[in-house]
Structures are given as structure tokens and as C-alpha cells.
Amino acid sequence: MATPRGAHIASEASSSPTEKPCRACTDFRSWMSSQSKASSTARPGKVLNEAAAATDTTSNSDRKEGSEQKSEIDRDKSNASHSAANSFEDDIPLWGDAKKYGCPDDSNSLGRGSWSLLHSMAAYYPNQPSPQQQQDMKDFIHLFAKFYPCTPCAEDFKEWIKIHTPSVDSQSSLSQWFCEAHNDVNRKLGKPLFDCNLVNQRWRDGWADGSCD
């Protein structure tokens, strides 16, 4: 689940100047940009003044120690490059409680988690669901779209459901339905499409080459 291009901009534009933008409707970079603009407007020059003060109080010994540790830091950066590439928060500076507990989801991290949940639910859905299970899944999908925190994303998903009725008669059909819904979002965002023939390998069985074992 992700915000179609420009949707978060429309969402922010509808908010009053004193309100924070909808974080769950906005990617992290855009949200931080809006926060930085608001901060610089409210407290002009504060960041620059604080940086200058920190520079003035830096001792010669600190500079020397920093120089000696440079090569070690470079090595650490090299070793950490692979793990950083796999982290969706690798470019987010965290401090205080944020470093310990993380931050509220933006539209990207919320979408990743939501799609993981939906695809996994479909992967473990019964092959021959009872009438009640089929109705429960239909109800869940509609309620999910109704209460999804990112309003533009939710509205987009509701429109998809109107045109493409949830296929809940088997595990295979539901998995394919969610895959097609996901690809519809990927297409709007200009992202690569996923091969829906591989949904069970991706979300239930693991890849055929054994790389998940």
C-alpha cells in the first residue's frame, strides 16, 4: 500500500497552516522537508547558531582524536553498507526515544508492512474456505480499506475494490487478487511489477532455490 504520485501533496495542501501534515499519508523525506520548513519559519537561525556554538567548543584534542579514528570509521561504514542497503530507515537520523523505539510510520513503511500482512493472510487462506470464511475475508478487505490510515491510499484501494470484486473462493484466487491490487499501485508509482505466478514462493513456501531455508 503506497500513496499514488502527488497524493500526499494534495493531502498536505488540504491541511491548515497550523496542522502537521499526515505522516502516514506522506513519505519520510517529504514529511521531514515540511517539518524543516516549519521549524525554520518559527525559529530562524536557530540551527545555524547551535552548529556554530558546537564548533566553537570543539577542543584541539577532539579534532586529533577524530582524525585518528577516521580510518576505523571508514572500515565500519564499509562493513555496514550491506545491512544499511536492506534497511528502510537507513537514511533516517534517529536519536532519543526514536533511536530506541523507532518513529511513527510514513506512507512507505506503512505500505510495506500492510502489503506484507495482506499477502501473508492470502498465502495462508484456506484452499476451500467455508461460506463464513469467505464473507469474513470480504468484510475484512472492505474494513481495511475504510480504516487505512493514509486517506489517499485508502480511497485508491476503495476504487480498486469497486471495479475488482475481492476473489475469496480459494487461497490461489485471493493471493492473485492481492497481487494484482499491489501491482496496480506499483504501476501508478512507476515501480516494477511483481510476477504473480510467484506469490506462494514469496509469501508462503520460500524460493525454489532454497535461499529462504
N, C-alpha and C. Protein backbone atom coordinates (compact mmCIF):
# COMPACT_ATOMS: atom_id res chain seq x y z
N MET A 1 0.85 -1.19 0.00
CA MET A 1 0.00 0.00 0.00
C MET A 1 0.89 1.24 0.00
N ALA A 2 0.69 2.10 -0.93
CA ALA A 2 1.51 3.29 -1.02
C ALA A 2 0.70 4.42 -1.61
N THR A 3 1.20 5.64 -1.43
CA THR A 3 0.49 6.80 -1.93
C THR A 3 0.76 7.01 -3.41
N PRO A 4 -0.29 7.11 -4.27
CA PRO A 4 -0.06 7.43 -5.67
C PRO A 4 0.64 8.77 -5.79
N ARG A 5 1.39 8.95 -6.89
CA ARG A 5 2.17 10.18 -7.07
C ARG A 5 1.31 11.42 -6.86
N GLY A 6 1.82 12.33 -6.04
CA GLY A 6 1.17 13.60 -5.84
C GLY A 6 0.06 13.56 -4.81
N ALA A 7 -0.35 12.36 -4.35
CA ALA A 7 -1.46 12.29 -3.42
C ALA A 7 -1.12 12.94 -2.10
N HIS A 8 0.14 12.72 -1.61
CA HIS A 8 0.49 13.31 -0.33
C HIS A 8 0.56 14.82 -0.43
N ILE A 9 0.87 15.34 -1.61
CA ILE A 9 0.91 16.78 -1.79
C ILE A 9 -0.48 17.36 -1.65
N ALA A 10 -1.46 16.68 -2.26
CA ALA A 10 -2.83 17.14 -2.15
C ALA A 10 -3.31 17.07 -0.72
N SER A 11 -2.88 16.01 -0.01
CA SER A 11 -3.28 15.86 1.38
C SER A 11 -2.73 16.99 2.23
N GLU A 12 -1.46 17.35 2.01
CA GLU A 12 -0.85 18.42 2.78
C GLU A 12 -1.51 19.76 2.46
N ALA A 13 -1.86 19.94 1.21
CA ALA A 13 -2.43 21.22 0.81
C ALA A 13 -3.78 21.45 1.46
N SER A 14 -4.49 20.36 1.81
CA SER A 14 -5.80 20.50 2.40
C SER A 14 -5.73 20.81 3.88
N SER A 15 -4.55 20.67 4.51
CA SER A 15 -4.41 20.93 5.93
C SER A 15 -4.23 22.42 6.16
N SER A 16 -4.65 22.86 7.35
CA SER A 16 -4.45 24.26 7.68
C SER A 16 -2.99 24.50 8.01
N PRO A 17 -2.48 25.75 7.91
CA PRO A 17 -1.06 26.04 8.12
C PRO A 17 -0.55 25.64 9.49
N THR A 18 -1.45 25.57 10.49
CA THR A 18 -1.02 25.26 11.85
C THR A 18 -1.00 23.77 12.14
N GLU A 19 -1.53 22.93 11.21
CA GLU A 19 -1.58 21.50 11.44
C GLU A 19 -0.36 20.80 10.86
N LYS A 20 0.05 19.72 11.52
CA LYS A 20 1.10 18.90 10.95
C LYS A 20 0.54 18.11 9.78
N PRO A 21 1.35 17.84 8.75
CA PRO A 21 0.86 17.01 7.66
C PRO A 21 0.62 15.59 8.14
N CYS A 22 -0.22 14.86 7.42
CA CYS A 22 -0.50 13.47 7.77
C CYS A 22 0.75 12.63 7.51
N ARG A 23 1.40 12.19 8.58
CA ARG A 23 2.66 11.45 8.40
C ARG A 23 2.42 10.13 7.66
N ALA A 24 1.31 9.47 7.96
CA ALA A 24 1.03 8.19 7.32
C ALA A 24 0.64 8.36 5.86
N CYS A 25 0.34 9.60 5.43
CA CYS A 25 -0.01 9.87 4.03
C CYS A 25 1.18 10.39 3.26
N THR A 26 2.33 10.53 3.90
CA THR A 26 3.47 11.21 3.31
C THR A 26 4.72 10.38 3.47
N ASP A 27 5.58 10.35 2.43
CA ASP A 27 6.84 9.65 2.59
C ASP A 27 7.75 10.43 3.53
N PHE A 28 8.74 9.75 4.12
CA PHE A 28 9.55 10.35 5.18
C PHE A 28 10.27 11.61 4.72
N ARG A 29 10.84 11.58 3.52
CA ARG A 29 11.61 12.74 3.04
C ARG A 29 10.72 13.98 2.92
N SER A 30 9.52 13.79 2.37
CA SER A 30 8.61 14.93 2.23
C SER A 30 8.15 15.43 3.58
N TRP A 31 7.89 14.50 4.49
CA TRP A 31 7.45 14.89 5.83
C TRP A 31 8.54 15.68 6.54
N MET A 32 9.80 15.21 6.46
CA MET A 32 10.90 15.92 7.09
C MET A 32 11.10 17.29 6.47
N SER A 33 10.91 17.37 5.15
CA SER A 33 11.06 18.65 4.47
C SER A 33 10.03 19.65 4.98
N SER A 34 8.79 19.19 5.16
CA SER A 34 7.76 20.10 5.65
C SER A 34 8.03 20.51 7.09
N GLN A 35 8.57 19.56 7.89
CA GLN A 35 8.88 19.88 9.27
C GLN A 35 10.04 20.88 9.36
N SER A 36 11.03 20.71 8.48
CA SER A 36 12.17 21.62 8.48
C SER A 36 11.75 23.03 8.11
N LYS A 37 10.85 23.14 7.12
CA LYS A 37 10.37 24.45 6.72
C LYS A 37 9.61 25.12 7.86
N ALA A 38 8.77 24.34 8.55
CA ALA A 38 8.00 24.89 9.65
C ALA A 38 8.92 25.33 10.78
N SER A 39 9.96 24.53 11.06
CA SER A 39 10.90 24.84 12.13
C SER A 39 11.71 26.09 11.82
N SER A 40 12.17 26.21 10.56
CA SER A 40 12.98 27.36 10.20
C SER A 40 12.16 28.64 10.20
N THR A 41 10.86 28.52 9.92
CA THR A 41 9.99 29.69 9.94
C THR A 41 9.73 30.14 11.37
N ALA A 42 9.56 29.17 12.26
CA ALA A 42 9.26 29.51 13.66
C ALA A 42 10.49 29.94 14.42
N ARG A 43 11.67 29.36 14.07
CA ARG A 43 12.88 29.67 14.82
C ARG A 43 14.01 29.98 13.85
N PRO A 44 13.98 31.11 13.18
CA PRO A 44 15.02 31.44 12.18
C PRO A 44 16.40 31.52 12.80
N GLY A 45 17.36 30.88 12.12
CA GLY A 45 18.75 30.96 12.54
C GLY A 45 19.14 30.07 13.68
N LYS A 46 18.16 29.35 14.28
CA LYS A 46 18.47 28.55 15.47
C LYS A 46 19.44 27.42 15.15
N VAL A 47 19.20 26.72 14.04
CA VAL A 47 20.06 25.58 13.70
C VAL A 47 21.48 26.05 13.43
N LEU A 48 21.63 27.15 12.69
CA LEU A 48 22.96 27.65 12.38
C LEU A 48 23.68 28.12 13.63
N ASN A 49 22.96 28.79 14.52
CA ASN A 49 23.58 29.26 15.77
C ASN A 49 24.05 28.10 16.63
N GLU A 50 23.23 27.05 16.70
CA GLU A 50 23.62 25.89 17.51
C GLU A 50 24.84 25.21 16.91
N ALA A 51 24.89 25.11 15.57
CA ALA A 51 26.04 24.48 14.92
C ALA A 51 27.30 25.29 15.16
N ALA A 52 27.20 26.61 15.10
CA ALA A 52 28.36 27.46 15.33
C ALA A 52 28.86 27.33 16.77
N ALA A 53 27.94 27.27 17.71
CA ALA A 53 28.32 27.13 19.11
C ALA A 53 29.04 25.81 19.35
N ALA A 54 28.53 24.74 18.70
CA ALA A 54 29.17 23.43 18.86
C ALA A 54 30.58 23.44 18.30
N THR A 55 30.76 24.13 17.17
CA THR A 55 32.08 24.22 16.55
C THR A 55 33.05 24.98 17.44
N ASP A 56 32.61 26.06 18.04
CA ASP A 56 33.47 26.88 18.89
C ASP A 56 33.95 26.13 20.11
N THR A 57 33.15 25.20 20.63
CA THR A 57 33.50 24.50 21.86
C THR A 57 34.29 23.23 21.60
N THR A 58 34.54 22.91 20.33
CA THR A 58 35.31 21.70 20.00
C THR A 58 36.79 21.92 20.33
N SER A 59 37.37 21.06 21.13
CA SER A 59 38.77 21.21 21.55
C SER A 59 39.71 20.63 20.52
N ASN A 60 41.00 21.04 20.62
CA ASN A 60 42.02 20.50 19.72
C ASN A 60 42.17 19.00 19.89
N SER A 61 42.06 18.53 21.12
CA SER A 61 42.22 17.10 21.37
C SER A 61 41.11 16.31 20.70
N ASP A 62 39.89 16.89 20.66
CA ASP A 62 38.78 16.22 19.99
C ASP A 62 39.07 16.08 18.51
N ARG A 63 39.64 17.14 17.92
CA ARG A 63 39.96 17.10 16.49
C ARG A 63 41.01 16.02 16.21
N LYS A 64 42.01 15.94 17.07
CA LYS A 64 43.06 14.95 16.89
C LYS A 64 42.50 13.54 17.00
N GLU A 65 41.66 13.34 18.01
CA GLU A 65 41.07 12.02 18.21
C GLU A 65 40.19 11.64 17.02
N GLY A 66 39.46 12.62 16.50
CA GLY A 66 38.61 12.35 15.35
C GLY A 66 39.42 11.95 14.14
N SER A 67 40.59 12.58 13.95
CA SER A 67 41.45 12.25 12.82
C SER A 67 41.98 10.84 12.92
N GLU A 68 42.38 10.43 14.15
CA GLU A 68 42.94 9.10 14.35
C GLU A 68 41.89 8.01 14.14
N GLN A 69 40.63 8.35 14.40
CA GLN A 69 39.59 7.34 14.29
C GLN A 69 38.96 7.28 12.90
N LYS A 70 39.38 8.16 12.00
CA LYS A 70 38.74 8.26 10.69
C LYS A 70 38.82 6.94 9.92
N SER A 71 40.02 6.33 9.88
CA SER A 71 40.16 5.09 9.12
C SER A 71 39.29 3.98 9.69
N GLU A 72 39.17 3.94 11.02
CA GLU A 72 38.34 2.92 11.64
C GLU A 72 36.87 3.14 11.29
N ILE A 73 36.44 4.38 11.26
CA ILE A 73 35.05 4.69 10.91
C ILE A 73 34.78 4.29 9.47
N ASP A 74 35.76 4.57 8.59
CA ASP A 74 35.59 4.21 7.19
C ASP A 74 35.40 2.71 7.03
N ARG A 75 36.16 1.94 7.81
CA ARG A 75 36.02 0.49 7.74
C ARG A 75 34.65 0.06 8.23
N ASP A 76 34.17 0.68 9.30
CA ASP A 76 32.85 0.35 9.83
C ASP A 76 31.76 0.65 8.81
N LYS A 77 31.93 1.79 8.12
CA LYS A 77 30.94 2.15 7.11
C LYS A 77 30.89 1.12 6.00
N SER A 78 32.07 0.64 5.60
CA SER A 78 32.13 -0.35 4.54
C SER A 78 31.46 -1.64 4.96
N ASN A 79 31.71 -2.08 6.20
CA ASN A 79 31.13 -3.32 6.70
C ASN A 79 29.63 -3.20 6.87
N ALA A 80 29.16 -2.00 7.13
CA ALA A 80 27.73 -1.80 7.39
C ALA A 80 26.93 -1.51 6.14
N SER A 81 27.61 -1.36 5.01
CA SER A 81 26.91 -0.94 3.79
C SER A 81 25.84 -1.93 3.37
N HIS A 82 26.13 -3.23 3.51
CA HIS A 82 25.16 -4.23 3.08
C HIS A 82 23.91 -4.19 3.93
N SER A 83 24.08 -4.13 5.26
CA SER A 83 22.92 -4.10 6.14
C SER A 83 22.13 -2.82 5.96
N ALA A 84 22.83 -1.72 5.72
CA ALA A 84 22.14 -0.44 5.52
C ALA A 84 21.28 -0.48 4.27
N ALA A 85 21.76 -1.16 3.25
CA ALA A 85 21.02 -1.24 1.99
C ALA A 85 19.71 -1.98 2.17
N ASN A 86 19.64 -2.87 3.17
CA ASN A 86 18.43 -3.63 3.41
C ASN A 86 17.52 -2.99 4.44
N SER A 87 17.90 -1.84 4.97
CA SER A 87 17.10 -1.18 5.99
C SER A 87 16.31 -0.04 5.39
N PHE A 88 14.97 -0.02 5.63
CA PHE A 88 14.18 1.06 5.06
C PHE A 88 14.31 2.34 5.88
N GLU A 89 15.09 2.32 6.97
CA GLU A 89 15.31 3.53 7.75
C GLU A 89 16.79 3.92 7.74
N ASP A 90 17.54 3.45 6.72
CA ASP A 90 18.97 3.68 6.73
C ASP A 90 19.35 5.14 6.56
N ASP A 91 18.43 5.96 6.04
CA ASP A 91 18.75 7.37 5.86
C ASP A 91 18.00 8.26 6.83
N ILE A 92 17.42 7.66 7.86
CA ILE A 92 16.66 8.43 8.85
C ILE A 92 17.49 8.61 10.11
N PRO A 93 17.85 9.84 10.46
CA PRO A 93 18.62 10.08 11.68
C PRO A 93 17.74 9.91 12.91
N LEU A 94 18.09 8.99 13.77
CA LEU A 94 17.29 8.73 14.97
C LEU A 94 18.07 9.09 16.22
N TRP A 95 17.40 9.66 17.18
CA TRP A 95 18.02 9.98 18.46
C TRP A 95 16.96 9.90 19.55
N GLY A 96 17.41 9.92 20.80
CA GLY A 96 16.48 9.87 21.92
C GLY A 96 15.64 8.61 21.88
N ASP A 97 14.36 8.74 22.25
CA ASP A 97 13.45 7.60 22.24
C ASP A 97 13.23 7.05 20.85
N ALA A 98 13.41 7.91 19.81
CA ALA A 98 13.24 7.43 18.44
C ALA A 98 14.26 6.35 18.11
N LYS A 99 15.49 6.53 18.61
CA LYS A 99 16.53 5.55 18.36
C LYS A 99 16.20 4.23 19.04
N LYS A 100 15.55 4.30 20.19
CA LYS A 100 15.23 3.10 20.97
C LYS A 100 13.98 2.40 20.47
N TYR A 101 12.96 3.19 20.14
CA TYR A 101 11.67 2.62 19.80
C TYR A 101 11.24 2.83 18.35
N GLY A 102 11.95 3.68 17.60
CA GLY A 102 11.53 3.98 16.24
C GLY A 102 10.56 5.14 16.21
N CYS A 103 10.05 5.45 15.01
CA CYS A 103 9.16 6.59 14.81
C CYS A 103 7.85 6.13 14.20
N PRO A 104 6.83 6.98 14.23
CA PRO A 104 5.58 6.63 13.54
C PRO A 104 5.84 6.35 12.06
N ASP A 105 5.09 5.42 11.51
CA ASP A 105 5.28 5.06 10.10
C ASP A 105 4.96 6.22 9.17
N ASP A 106 5.75 6.33 8.10
CA ASP A 106 5.36 7.20 7.00
C ASP A 106 4.62 6.33 5.98
N SER A 107 4.23 6.92 4.84
CA SER A 107 3.43 6.16 3.89
C SER A 107 4.18 4.96 3.33
N ASN A 108 5.50 5.07 3.17
CA ASN A 108 6.29 3.98 2.60
C ASN A 108 6.41 2.80 3.55
N SER A 109 6.80 3.07 4.80
CA SER A 109 6.95 1.97 5.76
C SER A 109 5.59 1.36 6.11
N LEU A 110 4.56 2.21 6.17
CA LEU A 110 3.21 1.70 6.42
C LEU A 110 2.77 0.79 5.28
N GLY A 111 3.07 1.20 4.05
CA GLY A 111 2.70 0.39 2.90
C GLY A 111 3.40 -0.96 2.88
N ARG A 112 4.70 -0.94 3.19
CA ARG A 112 5.45 -2.20 3.20
C ARG A 112 4.86 -3.18 4.21
N GLY A 113 4.61 -2.68 5.42
CA GLY A 113 4.05 -3.55 6.45
C GLY A 113 2.66 -4.04 6.10
N SER A 114 1.86 -3.17 5.50
CA SER A 114 0.49 -3.54 5.16
C SER A 114 0.45 -4.60 4.07
N TRP A 115 1.26 -4.42 3.02
CA TRP A 115 1.28 -5.40 1.95
C TRP A 115 1.81 -6.74 2.46
N SER A 116 2.79 -6.70 3.36
CA SER A 116 3.31 -7.94 3.92
C SER A 116 2.21 -8.70 4.67
N LEU A 117 1.40 -7.96 5.43
CA LEU A 117 0.28 -8.57 6.15
C LEU A 117 -0.74 -9.16 5.17
N LEU A 118 -1.15 -8.37 4.20
CA LEU A 118 -2.20 -8.82 3.27
C LEU A 118 -1.77 -10.02 2.44
N HIS A 119 -0.55 -9.97 1.91
CA HIS A 119 -0.07 -11.11 1.12
C HIS A 119 0.07 -12.36 1.98
N SER A 120 0.51 -12.19 3.23
CA SER A 120 0.68 -13.34 4.11
C SER A 120 -0.67 -13.93 4.50
N MET A 121 -1.66 -13.06 4.74
CA MET A 121 -3.01 -13.57 5.04
C MET A 121 -3.54 -14.39 3.87
N ALA A 122 -3.32 -13.88 2.65
CA ALA A 122 -3.78 -14.61 1.47
C ALA A 122 -3.03 -15.92 1.31
N ALA A 123 -1.74 -15.92 1.63
CA ALA A 123 -0.92 -17.12 1.47
C ALA A 123 -1.40 -18.26 2.37
N TYR A 124 -1.95 -17.92 3.53
CA TYR A 124 -2.39 -18.93 4.48
C TYR A 124 -3.92 -19.06 4.55
N TYR A 125 -4.58 -18.46 3.58
CA TYR A 125 -6.04 -18.57 3.48
C TYR A 125 -6.38 -20.01 3.05
N PRO A 126 -7.51 -20.55 3.50
CA PRO A 126 -7.85 -21.94 3.15
C PRO A 126 -7.99 -22.16 1.64
N ASN A 127 -7.63 -23.36 1.19
CA ASN A 127 -7.82 -23.71 -0.21
C ASN A 127 -9.30 -23.84 -0.55
N GLN A 128 -10.07 -24.30 0.44
CA GLN A 128 -11.51 -24.43 0.27
C GLN A 128 -12.21 -23.74 1.46
N PRO A 129 -12.26 -22.44 1.46
CA PRO A 129 -12.85 -21.71 2.59
C PRO A 129 -14.37 -21.93 2.69
N SER A 130 -14.85 -21.92 3.89
CA SER A 130 -16.28 -22.05 4.12
C SER A 130 -16.98 -20.75 3.70
N PRO A 131 -18.29 -20.79 3.52
CA PRO A 131 -19.02 -19.56 3.19
C PRO A 131 -18.77 -18.45 4.22
N GLN A 132 -18.68 -18.83 5.50
CA GLN A 132 -18.43 -17.83 6.53
C GLN A 132 -17.04 -17.23 6.41
N GLN A 133 -16.05 -18.07 6.12
CA GLN A 133 -14.69 -17.56 5.94
C GLN A 133 -14.61 -16.62 4.74
N GLN A 134 -15.31 -16.96 3.68
CA GLN A 134 -15.32 -16.08 2.51
C GLN A 134 -15.95 -14.73 2.84
N GLN A 135 -17.05 -14.75 3.58
CA GLN A 135 -17.70 -13.50 3.95
C GLN A 135 -16.82 -12.69 4.90
N ASP A 136 -16.16 -13.38 5.83
CA ASP A 136 -15.28 -12.69 6.77
C ASP A 136 -14.13 -11.99 6.04
N MET A 137 -13.57 -12.67 5.04
CA MET A 137 -12.47 -12.06 4.29
C MET A 137 -12.96 -10.86 3.50
N LYS A 138 -14.12 -10.95 2.88
CA LYS A 138 -14.68 -9.80 2.17
C LYS A 138 -14.87 -8.62 3.12
N ASP A 139 -15.44 -8.93 4.31
CA ASP A 139 -15.67 -7.86 5.28
C ASP A 139 -14.35 -7.24 5.72
N PHE A 140 -13.34 -8.08 5.93
CA PHE A 140 -12.04 -7.57 6.35
C PHE A 140 -11.46 -6.62 5.30
N ILE A 141 -11.52 -7.01 4.06
CA ILE A 141 -10.94 -6.19 2.99
C ILE A 141 -11.63 -4.83 2.93
N HIS A 142 -12.95 -4.82 3.03
CA HIS A 142 -13.67 -3.54 2.99
C HIS A 142 -13.37 -2.69 4.22
N LEU A 143 -13.28 -3.31 5.38
CA LEU A 143 -12.96 -2.56 6.60
C LEU A 143 -11.53 -2.06 6.58
N PHE A 144 -10.63 -2.88 6.03
CA PHE A 144 -9.23 -2.46 5.90
C PHE A 144 -9.14 -1.20 5.06
N ALA A 145 -9.83 -1.19 3.93
CA ALA A 145 -9.83 -0.01 3.06
C ALA A 145 -10.48 1.18 3.75
N LYS A 146 -11.47 0.93 4.56
CA LYS A 146 -12.20 2.01 5.24
C LYS A 146 -11.36 2.70 6.28
N PHE A 147 -10.55 1.93 7.01
CA PHE A 147 -9.80 2.48 8.14
C PHE A 147 -8.31 2.64 7.89
N TYR A 148 -7.85 2.37 6.68
CA TYR A 148 -6.41 2.52 6.41
C TYR A 148 -5.98 3.95 6.70
N PRO A 149 -4.88 4.15 7.46
CA PRO A 149 -4.52 5.50 7.95
C PRO A 149 -4.19 6.53 6.88
N CYS A 150 -3.68 6.09 5.74
CA CYS A 150 -3.35 7.02 4.66
C CYS A 150 -4.60 7.23 3.80
N THR A 151 -5.23 8.39 3.92
CA THR A 151 -6.50 8.64 3.24
C THR A 151 -6.42 8.50 1.72
N PRO A 152 -5.44 9.12 1.05
CA PRO A 152 -5.36 8.95 -0.41
C PRO A 152 -5.18 7.49 -0.82
N CYS A 153 -4.37 6.76 -0.04
CA CYS A 153 -4.15 5.33 -0.33
C CYS A 153 -5.46 4.55 -0.15
N ALA A 154 -6.18 4.86 0.92
CA ALA A 154 -7.43 4.17 1.21
C ALA A 154 -8.45 4.41 0.11
N GLU A 155 -8.56 5.67 -0.33
CA GLU A 155 -9.51 5.98 -1.39
C GLU A 155 -9.15 5.26 -2.68
N ASP A 156 -7.87 5.17 -2.97
CA ASP A 156 -7.42 4.47 -4.17
C ASP A 156 -7.77 2.99 -4.09
N PHE A 157 -7.61 2.38 -2.92
CA PHE A 157 -7.91 0.97 -2.72
C PHE A 157 -9.42 0.73 -2.82
N LYS A 158 -10.21 1.66 -2.28
CA LYS A 158 -11.67 1.53 -2.37
C LYS A 158 -12.13 1.51 -3.83
N GLU A 159 -11.52 2.37 -4.64
CA GLU A 159 -11.87 2.41 -6.06
C GLU A 159 -11.50 1.09 -6.75
N TRP A 160 -10.36 0.53 -6.36
CA TRP A 160 -9.95 -0.76 -6.93
C TRP A 160 -10.98 -1.84 -6.58
N ILE A 161 -11.44 -1.85 -5.32
CA ILE A 161 -12.41 -2.85 -4.88
C ILE A 161 -13.73 -2.73 -5.64
N LYS A 162 -14.15 -1.50 -5.95
CA LYS A 162 -15.40 -1.29 -6.68
C LYS A 162 -15.34 -1.96 -8.06
N ILE A 163 -14.18 -1.88 -8.69
CA ILE A 163 -14.03 -2.41 -10.05
C ILE A 163 -13.65 -3.89 -10.03
N HIS A 164 -12.83 -4.27 -9.04
CA HIS A 164 -12.35 -5.65 -8.95
C HIS A 164 -12.86 -6.27 -7.65
N THR A 165 -13.94 -7.01 -7.74
CA THR A 165 -14.53 -7.63 -6.55
C THR A 165 -13.54 -8.61 -5.93
N PRO A 166 -13.35 -8.55 -4.60
CA PRO A 166 -12.42 -9.49 -3.96
C PRO A 166 -12.73 -10.93 -4.30
N SER A 167 -11.70 -11.65 -4.72
CA SER A 167 -11.86 -13.05 -5.10
C SER A 167 -11.46 -13.91 -3.90
N VAL A 168 -12.44 -14.44 -3.21
CA VAL A 168 -12.19 -15.10 -1.92
C VAL A 168 -12.57 -16.58 -1.93
N ASP A 169 -12.74 -17.18 -3.10
CA ASP A 169 -13.20 -18.56 -3.14
C ASP A 169 -12.09 -19.59 -2.92
N SER A 170 -10.81 -19.15 -2.92
CA SER A 170 -9.70 -20.08 -2.66
C SER A 170 -8.44 -19.31 -2.30
N GLN A 171 -7.46 -20.02 -1.79
CA GLN A 171 -6.18 -19.40 -1.47
C GLN A 171 -5.52 -18.84 -2.71
N SER A 172 -5.58 -19.59 -3.78
CA SER A 172 -4.94 -19.16 -5.02
C SER A 172 -5.59 -17.89 -5.57
N SER A 173 -6.90 -17.86 -5.60
CA SER A 173 -7.59 -16.71 -6.17
C SER A 173 -7.39 -15.46 -5.33
N LEU A 174 -7.38 -15.60 -4.01
CA LEU A 174 -7.18 -14.43 -3.14
C LEU A 174 -5.76 -13.91 -3.27
N SER A 175 -4.79 -14.82 -3.32
CA SER A 175 -3.40 -14.40 -3.48
C SER A 175 -3.19 -13.66 -4.79
N GLN A 176 -3.82 -14.15 -5.85
CA GLN A 176 -3.71 -13.48 -7.15
C GLN A 176 -4.39 -12.11 -7.11
N TRP A 177 -5.51 -12.01 -6.42
CA TRP A 177 -6.24 -10.76 -6.34
C TRP A 177 -5.42 -9.68 -5.63
N PHE A 178 -4.81 -10.05 -4.50
CA PHE A 178 -3.97 -9.09 -3.78
C PHE A 178 -2.73 -8.72 -4.61
N CYS A 179 -2.17 -9.70 -5.32
CA CYS A 179 -1.00 -9.41 -6.16
C CYS A 179 -1.36 -8.42 -7.26
N GLU A 180 -2.52 -8.59 -7.87
CA GLU A 180 -2.94 -7.67 -8.91
C GLU A 180 -3.23 -6.28 -8.34
N ALA A 181 -3.80 -6.24 -7.14
CA ALA A 181 -4.05 -4.95 -6.49
C ALA A 181 -2.73 -4.24 -6.18
N HIS A 182 -1.75 -5.00 -5.70
CA HIS A 182 -0.43 -4.45 -5.39
C HIS A 182 0.24 -3.94 -6.67
N ASN A 183 0.15 -4.71 -7.72
CA ASN A 183 0.75 -4.29 -8.99
C ASN A 183 0.09 -3.04 -9.56
N ASP A 184 -1.20 -2.88 -9.29
CA ASP A 184 -1.88 -1.67 -9.73
C ASP A 184 -1.26 -0.44 -9.07
N VAL A 185 -0.95 -0.56 -7.78
CA VAL A 185 -0.28 0.53 -7.07
C VAL A 185 1.13 0.73 -7.59
N ASN A 186 1.86 -0.38 -7.80
CA ASN A 186 3.22 -0.28 -8.33
C ASN A 186 3.24 0.43 -9.69
N ARG A 187 2.25 0.11 -10.50
CA ARG A 187 2.16 0.73 -11.83
C ARG A 187 1.97 2.24 -11.71
N LYS A 188 1.12 2.67 -10.80
CA LYS A 188 0.88 4.09 -10.61
C LYS A 188 2.10 4.82 -10.07
N LEU A 189 2.91 4.11 -9.29
CA LEU A 189 4.10 4.71 -8.70
C LEU A 189 5.33 4.54 -9.59
N GLY A 190 5.17 3.88 -10.73
CA GLY A 190 6.30 3.67 -11.61
C GLY A 190 7.28 2.64 -11.10
N LYS A 191 6.80 1.71 -10.27
CA LYS A 191 7.67 0.67 -9.71
C LYS A 191 7.56 -0.61 -10.54
N PRO A 192 8.56 -1.50 -10.45
CA PRO A 192 8.50 -2.76 -11.19
C PRO A 192 7.29 -3.60 -10.75
N LEU A 193 6.72 -4.35 -11.67
CA LEU A 193 5.60 -5.22 -11.36
C LEU A 193 6.11 -6.58 -10.89
N PHE A 194 5.36 -7.18 -9.97
CA PHE A 194 5.74 -8.48 -9.43
C PHE A 194 5.08 -9.59 -10.25
N ASP A 195 5.82 -10.66 -10.49
CA ASP A 195 5.29 -11.81 -11.22
C ASP A 195 4.33 -12.56 -10.30
N CYS A 196 3.04 -12.47 -10.58
CA CYS A 196 2.04 -13.06 -9.69
C CYS A 196 2.06 -14.58 -9.68
N ASN A 197 2.79 -15.20 -10.60
CA ASN A 197 2.96 -16.65 -10.56
C ASN A 197 3.84 -17.08 -9.39
N LEU A 198 4.53 -16.11 -8.78
CA LEU A 198 5.50 -16.44 -7.72
C LEU A 198 5.00 -16.07 -6.33
N VAL A 199 3.71 -15.76 -6.19
CA VAL A 199 3.23 -15.27 -4.89
C VAL A 199 3.44 -16.28 -3.76
N ASN A 200 3.22 -17.56 -4.01
CA ASN A 200 3.38 -18.54 -2.94
C ASN A 200 4.84 -18.74 -2.56
N GLN A 201 5.74 -18.65 -3.54
CA GLN A 201 7.16 -18.72 -3.20
C GLN A 201 7.57 -17.52 -2.35
N ARG A 202 7.05 -16.35 -2.71
CA ARG A 202 7.43 -15.13 -1.99
C ARG A 202 6.82 -15.06 -0.60
N TRP A 203 5.58 -15.48 -0.43
CA TRP A 203 4.86 -15.21 0.81
C TRP A 203 4.54 -16.44 1.64
N ARG A 204 4.79 -17.67 1.11
CA ARG A 204 4.44 -18.85 1.90
C ARG A 204 5.51 -19.92 1.91
N ASP A 205 5.96 -20.37 0.73
CA ASP A 205 6.82 -21.55 0.65
C ASP A 205 8.31 -21.24 0.67
N GLY A 206 8.69 -20.02 0.29
CA GLY A 206 10.11 -19.71 0.12
C GLY A 206 10.53 -20.01 -1.31
N TRP A 207 11.63 -19.39 -1.74
CA TRP A 207 12.06 -19.52 -3.12
C TRP A 207 12.54 -20.94 -3.44
N ALA A 208 12.33 -21.34 -4.70
CA ALA A 208 12.64 -22.69 -5.14
C ALA A 208 14.12 -23.01 -5.03
N ASP A 209 14.99 -21.99 -5.04
CA ASP A 209 16.43 -22.25 -4.96
C ASP A 209 16.90 -22.50 -3.53
N GLY A 210 15.97 -22.48 -2.59
CA GLY A 210 16.32 -22.78 -1.19
C GLY A 210 16.94 -21.62 -0.45
N SER A 211 16.95 -20.44 -1.03
CA SER A 211 17.61 -19.29 -0.40
C SER A 211 16.93 -18.82 0.87
N CYS A 212 15.69 -19.24 1.09
CA CYS A 212 14.98 -18.86 2.31
C CYS A 212 15.09 -19.92 3.40
N ASP A 213 15.70 -21.07 3.08
CA ASP A 213 15.81 -22.17 4.04
C ASP A 213 16.99 -22.01 4.98
